[in-house]
């Protein structure tokens, strides 16, 4: 299981929500089966529907994996 906090902490180069979305998609493509939203991303450009967007990115990664 991938935890959102682990992805954010493990990749300090990620500074924008779009980059986080790509990272989450890669996690899905890399074989992770579940994504836990244990923190809210603290980026200036984090949208209100951030959970839905990250879930969709993770699922897209699963489709490619």
N, C-alpha and C. Protein backbone atom coordinates (compact mmCIF):
# COMPACT_ATOMS: atom_id res chain seq x y z
N UNK A 1 0.84 -1.17 0.00
CA UNK A 1 0.00 0.00 0.00
C UNK A 1 0.89 1.24 0.00
N UNK A 2 0.59 2.15 -0.87
CA UNK A 2 1.30 3.43 -0.92
C UNK A 2 0.56 4.44 -0.05
N UNK A 3 1.31 5.14 0.77
CA UNK A 3 0.73 6.22 1.55
C UNK A 3 1.16 7.54 0.92
N UNK A 4 0.21 8.44 0.81
CA UNK A 4 0.49 9.72 0.18
C UNK A 4 1.61 10.45 0.91
N UNK A 5 1.63 10.38 2.23
CA UNK A 5 2.70 11.06 2.98
C UNK A 5 4.07 10.50 2.63
N UNK A 6 4.18 9.19 2.45
CA UNK A 6 5.47 8.59 2.08
C UNK A 6 5.93 9.06 0.71
N UNK A 7 4.99 9.19 -0.23
CA UNK A 7 5.35 9.67 -1.56
C UNK A 7 5.84 11.12 -1.50
N UNK A 8 5.16 11.94 -0.72
CA UNK A 8 5.53 13.36 -0.62
C UNK A 8 6.88 13.50 0.09
N UNK A 9 7.07 12.81 1.20
CA UNK A 9 8.32 12.91 1.95
C UNK A 9 9.48 12.33 1.16
N UNK A 10 9.23 11.25 0.44
CA UNK A 10 10.29 10.59 -0.32
C UNK A 10 10.71 11.31 -1.58
N UNK A 11 9.95 12.32 -1.98
CA UNK A 11 10.25 13.07 -3.21
C UNK A 11 10.17 14.57 -2.94
N UNK A 12 11.17 15.12 -2.25
CA UNK A 12 11.12 16.55 -1.93
C UNK A 12 11.21 17.46 -3.16
N UNK A 13 11.59 16.89 -4.30
CA UNK A 13 11.65 17.69 -5.53
C UNK A 13 10.25 18.02 -6.07
N UNK A 14 9.25 17.32 -5.60
CA UNK A 14 7.87 17.57 -6.02
C UNK A 14 7.36 18.80 -5.27
N UNK A 15 7.05 19.84 -6.04
CA UNK A 15 6.61 21.10 -5.43
C UNK A 15 5.27 21.59 -5.96
N UNK A 16 4.70 20.86 -6.90
CA UNK A 16 3.41 21.25 -7.49
C UNK A 16 2.48 20.05 -7.52
N UNK A 17 1.19 20.34 -7.50
CA UNK A 17 0.21 19.26 -7.48
C UNK A 17 0.30 18.39 -8.72
N UNK A 18 0.53 18.98 -9.87
CA UNK A 18 0.64 18.21 -11.12
C UNK A 18 1.78 17.20 -11.03
N UNK A 19 2.89 17.59 -10.42
CA UNK A 19 4.01 16.67 -10.24
C UNK A 19 3.61 15.53 -9.31
N UNK A 20 2.86 15.85 -8.26
CA UNK A 20 2.38 14.82 -7.33
C UNK A 20 1.45 13.86 -8.05
N UNK A 21 0.60 14.39 -8.90
CA UNK A 21 -0.32 13.56 -9.68
C UNK A 21 0.46 12.57 -10.54
N UNK A 22 1.52 13.02 -11.18
CA UNK A 22 2.36 12.13 -11.99
C UNK A 22 3.06 11.08 -11.13
N UNK A 23 3.50 11.47 -9.95
CA UNK A 23 4.13 10.54 -9.02
C UNK A 23 3.15 9.46 -8.56
N UNK A 24 1.93 9.86 -8.28
CA UNK A 24 0.88 8.92 -7.87
C UNK A 24 0.56 7.97 -9.02
N UNK A 25 0.51 8.48 -10.23
CA UNK A 25 0.26 7.62 -11.39
C UNK A 25 1.37 6.60 -11.54
N UNK A 26 2.60 7.03 -11.33
CA UNK A 26 3.74 6.12 -11.41
C UNK A 26 3.66 5.04 -10.32
N UNK A 27 3.20 5.41 -9.14
CA UNK A 27 3.04 4.43 -8.06
C UNK A 27 2.04 3.36 -8.46
N UNK A 28 0.97 3.75 -9.11
CA UNK A 28 -0.01 2.78 -9.59
C UNK A 28 0.57 1.88 -10.66
N UNK A 29 1.37 2.46 -11.54
CA UNK A 29 1.98 1.68 -12.62
C UNK A 29 3.08 0.77 -12.10
N UNK A 30 3.63 1.08 -10.93
CA UNK A 30 4.74 0.30 -10.38
C UNK A 30 4.29 -0.91 -9.58
N UNK A 31 3.01 -1.14 -9.52
CA UNK A 31 2.53 -2.34 -8.84
C UNK A 31 1.84 -2.12 -7.51
N UNK A 32 1.81 -0.89 -7.02
CA UNK A 32 1.06 -0.63 -5.79
C UNK A 32 -0.43 -0.89 -6.07
N UNK A 33 -1.08 -1.53 -5.12
CA UNK A 33 -2.49 -1.89 -5.32
C UNK A 33 -3.45 -0.91 -4.66
N UNK A 34 -2.99 -0.22 -3.61
CA UNK A 34 -3.85 0.69 -2.87
C UNK A 34 -3.10 1.97 -2.58
N UNK A 35 -3.86 3.06 -2.47
CA UNK A 35 -3.30 4.36 -2.13
C UNK A 35 -4.07 4.90 -0.94
N UNK A 36 -3.36 5.23 0.13
CA UNK A 36 -4.00 5.78 1.32
C UNK A 36 -3.77 7.28 1.38
N UNK A 37 -4.86 8.02 1.53
CA UNK A 37 -4.79 9.48 1.64
C UNK A 37 -4.66 9.83 3.12
N UNK A 38 -3.46 9.73 3.66
CA UNK A 38 -3.25 9.99 5.09
C UNK A 38 -2.92 11.45 5.39
N UNK A 39 -2.67 12.23 4.36
CA UNK A 39 -2.43 13.68 4.52
C UNK A 39 -3.05 14.40 3.33
N UNK A 40 -3.30 15.69 3.51
CA UNK A 40 -3.73 16.54 2.40
C UNK A 40 -2.48 17.20 1.83
N UNK A 41 -2.29 17.15 0.52
CA UNK A 41 -1.12 17.81 -0.09
C UNK A 41 -1.14 19.30 0.22
N UNK A 42 0.00 19.82 0.62
CA UNK A 42 0.10 21.22 1.03
C UNK A 42 0.81 22.05 -0.04
N UNK A 43 0.31 21.95 -1.27
CA UNK A 43 0.85 22.75 -2.36
C UNK A 43 -0.10 23.91 -2.64
N UNK A 44 0.44 25.00 -3.10
CA UNK A 44 -0.41 26.17 -3.38
C UNK A 44 -1.48 25.87 -4.41
N UNK A 45 -1.17 24.97 -5.35
CA UNK A 45 -2.10 24.70 -6.44
C UNK A 45 -2.95 23.44 -6.22
N UNK A 46 -3.04 22.96 -4.98
CA UNK A 46 -3.86 21.79 -4.69
C UNK A 46 -5.34 22.14 -4.87
N UNK A 47 -6.02 21.44 -5.77
CA UNK A 47 -7.44 21.75 -6.01
C UNK A 47 -8.33 21.21 -4.90
N UNK A 48 -9.57 21.68 -4.89
CA UNK A 48 -10.53 21.21 -3.88
C UNK A 48 -10.81 19.73 -4.01
N UNK A 49 -10.87 19.24 -5.23
CA UNK A 49 -11.18 17.82 -5.46
C UNK A 49 -9.91 16.98 -5.60
N UNK A 50 -8.90 17.30 -4.81
CA UNK A 50 -7.59 16.66 -4.92
C UNK A 50 -7.66 15.15 -4.75
N UNK A 51 -8.53 14.66 -3.87
CA UNK A 51 -8.62 13.22 -3.65
C UNK A 51 -9.10 12.50 -4.91
N UNK A 52 -10.08 13.05 -5.55
CA UNK A 52 -10.61 12.44 -6.78
C UNK A 52 -9.56 12.45 -7.87
N UNK A 53 -8.85 13.55 -7.98
CA UNK A 53 -7.83 13.65 -9.03
C UNK A 53 -6.69 12.66 -8.80
N UNK A 54 -6.26 12.52 -7.55
CA UNK A 54 -5.18 11.57 -7.27
C UNK A 54 -5.66 10.13 -7.42
N UNK A 55 -6.90 9.85 -7.04
CA UNK A 55 -7.45 8.51 -7.23
C UNK A 55 -7.50 8.16 -8.71
N UNK A 56 -7.91 9.11 -9.54
CA UNK A 56 -7.96 8.89 -10.98
C UNK A 56 -6.55 8.67 -11.55
N UNK A 57 -5.58 9.43 -11.08
CA UNK A 57 -4.20 9.27 -11.54
C UNK A 57 -3.67 7.90 -11.14
N UNK A 58 -3.96 7.47 -9.93
CA UNK A 58 -3.51 6.16 -9.45
C UNK A 58 -4.12 5.05 -10.30
N UNK A 59 -5.40 5.18 -10.60
CA UNK A 59 -6.10 4.19 -11.42
C UNK A 59 -5.55 4.16 -12.84
N UNK A 60 -5.23 5.32 -13.41
CA UNK A 60 -4.60 5.35 -14.73
C UNK A 60 -3.29 4.59 -14.71
N UNK A 61 -2.54 4.73 -13.63
CA UNK A 61 -1.28 4.00 -13.50
C UNK A 61 -1.51 2.51 -13.44
N UNK A 62 -2.55 2.09 -12.78
CA UNK A 62 -2.88 0.66 -12.72
C UNK A 62 -3.22 0.13 -14.10
N UNK A 63 -3.89 0.94 -14.91
CA UNK A 63 -4.27 0.52 -16.26
C UNK A 63 -3.04 0.30 -17.13
N UNK A 64 -1.98 1.09 -16.91
CA UNK A 64 -0.77 0.98 -17.72
C UNK A 64 0.18 -0.09 -17.19
N UNK A 65 0.05 -0.42 -15.89
CA UNK A 65 1.00 -1.31 -15.24
C UNK A 65 0.87 -2.75 -15.58
